[in-house]
Every structure is written in C-alpha cells, then in structure tokens.
Amino acid sequence: VREKHLHETPASLSALPASVKSLVSIMLRKSPETRPSRKRCIEVLQRSLASGEKAGANQRNILMEAVNAIAVTQAQQE
C-alpha cells in the first residue's frame, strides 16, 4: 500500500461526474490536514447525486455506495 501511495498514479475517473472527480483528487492529497472531512465528502457526493449531473444509473450506484461507505466508516469511528 505504501509503495502504491508513493509511486502509482490513481485510476482514471473519467466516467464520473466532474464534482466527484474533483472531490477524489482532493481526497488523494498527501497531507491529511488538506483533505476534506468525511462530512464534507458526504455533502459533495449527495449534492452530485441530487444535481442531475450527467451520470447514468451505474455512476449513481457508485456514488450512493461511496456515500454509504463513508457514513458507515464514520459511524464506526464515532
């Protein structure tokens, strides 16, 4: 995992809405203090789902799974 973090380029997200691609780019920042909070991630993902961005059913499912995964992780940590 360390080597991937240091040396590999993340997979392309071209199939996802622009707001989600932007969010993921920010979440991949090296410095933890520059990454968005879980709450902010959920807000952006939910807004993307509600905004009607050009996303097909598959992309919506991916977004909903991401929102759910973040919420579950947050609940476990709390």
C-alpha atoms as a PDB file:
ATOM      1  CA  VAL A   1       0.000   0.000   0.000  1.00  0.00           C
ATOM      2  CA  ARG A   2       2.842   2.368   0.872  1.00  0.00           C
ATOM      3  CA  GLU A   3       4.517   1.830  -2.494  1.00  0.00           C
ATOM      4  CA  LYS A   4       1.253   2.396  -4.348  1.00  0.00           C
ATOM      5  CA  HIS A   5       0.665   5.577  -2.387  1.00  0.00           C
ATOM      6  CA  LEU A   6       4.136   6.868  -3.178  1.00  0.00           C
ATOM      7  CA  HIS A   7       4.664   5.716  -6.752  1.00  0.00           C
ATOM      8  CA  GLU A   8       1.454   4.817  -8.606  1.00  0.00           C
ATOM      9  CA  THR A   9      -0.956   7.104 -10.389  1.00  0.00           C
ATOM     10  CA  PRO A  10      -4.597   6.621  -9.364  1.00  0.00           C
ATOM     11  CA  ALA A  11      -7.005   5.093 -11.862  1.00  0.00           C
ATOM     12  CA  SER A  12      -8.866   7.381 -14.240  1.00  0.00           C
ATOM     13  CA  LEU A  13     -12.263   8.594 -13.075  1.00  0.00           C
ATOM     14  CA  SER A  14     -13.447   9.845 -16.438  1.00  0.00           C
ATOM     15  CA  ALA A  15     -16.819   8.088 -16.156  1.00  0.00           C
ATOM     16  CA  LEU A  16     -17.817  10.001 -13.012  1.00  0.00           C
ATOM     17  CA  PRO A  17     -19.330  13.484 -12.713  1.00  0.00           C
ATOM     18  CA  ALA A  18     -16.885  16.408 -12.530  1.00  0.00           C
ATOM     19  CA  SER A  19     -17.707  17.221  -8.888  1.00  0.00           C
ATOM     20  CA  VAL A  20     -16.864  13.669  -7.834  1.00  0.00           C
ATOM     21  CA  LYS A  21     -13.613  13.627  -9.812  1.00  0.00           C
ATOM     22  CA  SER A  22     -12.633  16.868  -8.118  1.00  0.00           C
ATOM     23  CA  LEU A  23     -13.530  15.516  -4.686  1.00  0.00           C
ATOM     24  CA  VAL A  24     -11.482  12.356  -5.210  1.00  0.00           C
ATOM     25  CA  SER A  25      -8.491  14.419  -6.335  1.00  0.00           C
ATOM     26  CA  ILE A  26      -8.685  16.440  -3.135  1.00  0.00           C
ATOM     27  CA  MET A  27      -9.108  13.282  -1.042  1.00  0.00           C
ATOM     28  CA  LEU A  28      -5.906  11.856  -2.540  1.00  0.00           C
ATOM     29  CA  ARG A  29      -3.736  14.701  -1.267  1.00  0.00           C
ATOM     30  CA  LYS A  30      -0.691  13.528   0.659  1.00  0.00           C
ATOM     31  CA  SER A  31      -1.164  15.832   3.635  1.00  0.00           C
ATOM     32  CA  PRO A  32      -4.101  14.703   5.822  1.00  0.00           C
ATOM     33  CA  GLU A  33      -4.896  18.226   7.004  1.00  0.00           C
ATOM     34  CA  THR A  34      -5.568  19.339   3.420  1.00  0.00           C
ATOM     35  CA  ARG A  35      -8.090  16.563   2.774  1.00  0.00           C
ATOM     36  CA  PRO A  36     -11.825  17.231   3.247  1.00  0.00           C
ATOM     37  CA  SER A  37     -13.685  15.883   6.267  1.00  0.00           C
ATOM     38  CA  ARG A  38     -15.971  12.873   5.951  1.00  0.00           C
ATOM     39  CA  LYS A  39     -18.932  15.178   6.428  1.00  0.00           C
ATOM     40  CA  ARG A  40     -17.794  17.351   3.525  1.00  0.00           C
ATOM     41  CA  CYS A  41     -17.270  14.279   1.323  1.00  0.00           C
ATOM     42  CA  ILE A  42     -20.800  13.085   2.013  1.00  0.00           C
ATOM     43  CA  GLU A  43     -22.211  16.552   1.268  1.00  0.00           C
ATOM     44  CA  VAL A  44     -20.425  16.750  -2.089  1.00  0.00           C
ATOM     45  CA  LEU A  45     -21.452  13.240  -3.102  1.00  0.00           C
ATOM     46  CA  GLN A  46     -25.077  13.800  -2.104  1.00  0.00           C
ATOM     47  CA  ARG A  47     -25.175  17.137  -3.945  1.00  0.00           C
ATOM     48  CA  SER A  48     -23.725  15.463  -7.019  1.00  0.00           C
ATOM     49  CA  LEU A  49     -26.457  12.833  -6.908  1.00  0.00           C
ATOM     50  CA  ALA A  50     -29.176  15.448  -6.498  1.00  0.00           C
ATOM     51  CA  SER A  51     -27.835  17.950  -9.016  1.00  0.00           C
ATOM     52  CA  GLY A  52     -28.704  15.950 -12.085  1.00  0.00           C
ATOM     53  CA  GLU A  53     -25.140  15.897 -13.389  1.00  0.00           C
ATOM     54  CA  LYS A  54     -24.812  13.667 -16.404  1.00  0.00           C
ATOM     55  CA  ALA A  55     -24.448  10.360 -14.663  1.00  0.00           C
ATOM     56  CA  GLY A  56     -26.030   7.108 -15.695  1.00  0.00           C
ATOM     57  CA  ALA A  57     -27.524   4.533 -13.366  1.00  0.00           C
ATOM     58  CA  ASN A  58     -24.161   2.825 -12.872  1.00  0.00           C
ATOM     59  CA  GLN A  59     -22.467   6.076 -11.825  1.00  0.00           C
ATOM     60  CA  ARG A  60     -25.329   6.881  -9.446  1.00  0.00           C
ATOM     61  CA  ASN A  61     -24.928   3.464  -7.841  1.00  0.00           C
ATOM     62  CA  ILE A  62     -21.191   4.052  -7.421  1.00  0.00           C
ATOM     63  CA  LEU A  63     -21.878   7.431  -5.812  1.00  0.00           C
ATOM     64  CA  MET A  64     -24.506   6.007  -3.475  1.00  0.00           C
ATOM     65  CA  GLU A  65     -22.130   3.225  -2.440  1.00  0.00           C
ATOM     66  CA  ALA A  66     -19.435   5.822  -1.743  1.00  0.00           C
ATOM     67  CA  VAL A  67     -21.787   7.894   0.409  1.00  0.00           C
ATOM     68  CA  ASN A  68     -22.808   4.774   2.305  1.00  0.00           C
ATOM     69  CA  ALA A  69     -19.213   3.582   2.816  1.00  0.00           C
ATOM     70  CA  ILE A  70     -18.163   6.951   4.228  1.00  0.00           C
ATOM     71  CA  ALA A  71     -21.184   7.080   6.524  1.00  0.00           C
ATOM     72  CA  VAL A  72     -20.571   3.539   7.818  1.00  0.00           C
ATOM     73  CA  THR A  73     -16.896   4.267   8.493  1.00  0.00           C
ATOM     74  CA  GLN A  74     -17.786   7.482  10.294  1.00  0.00           C
ATOM     75  CA  ALA A  75     -20.387   5.716  12.429  1.00  0.00           C
ATOM     76  CA  GLN A  76     -17.914   3.001  13.390  1.00  0.00           C
ATOM     77  CA  GLN A  77     -15.302   5.556  14.400  1.00  0.00           C
ATOM     78  CA  GLU A  78     -17.770   7.567  16.441  1.00  0.00           C
END
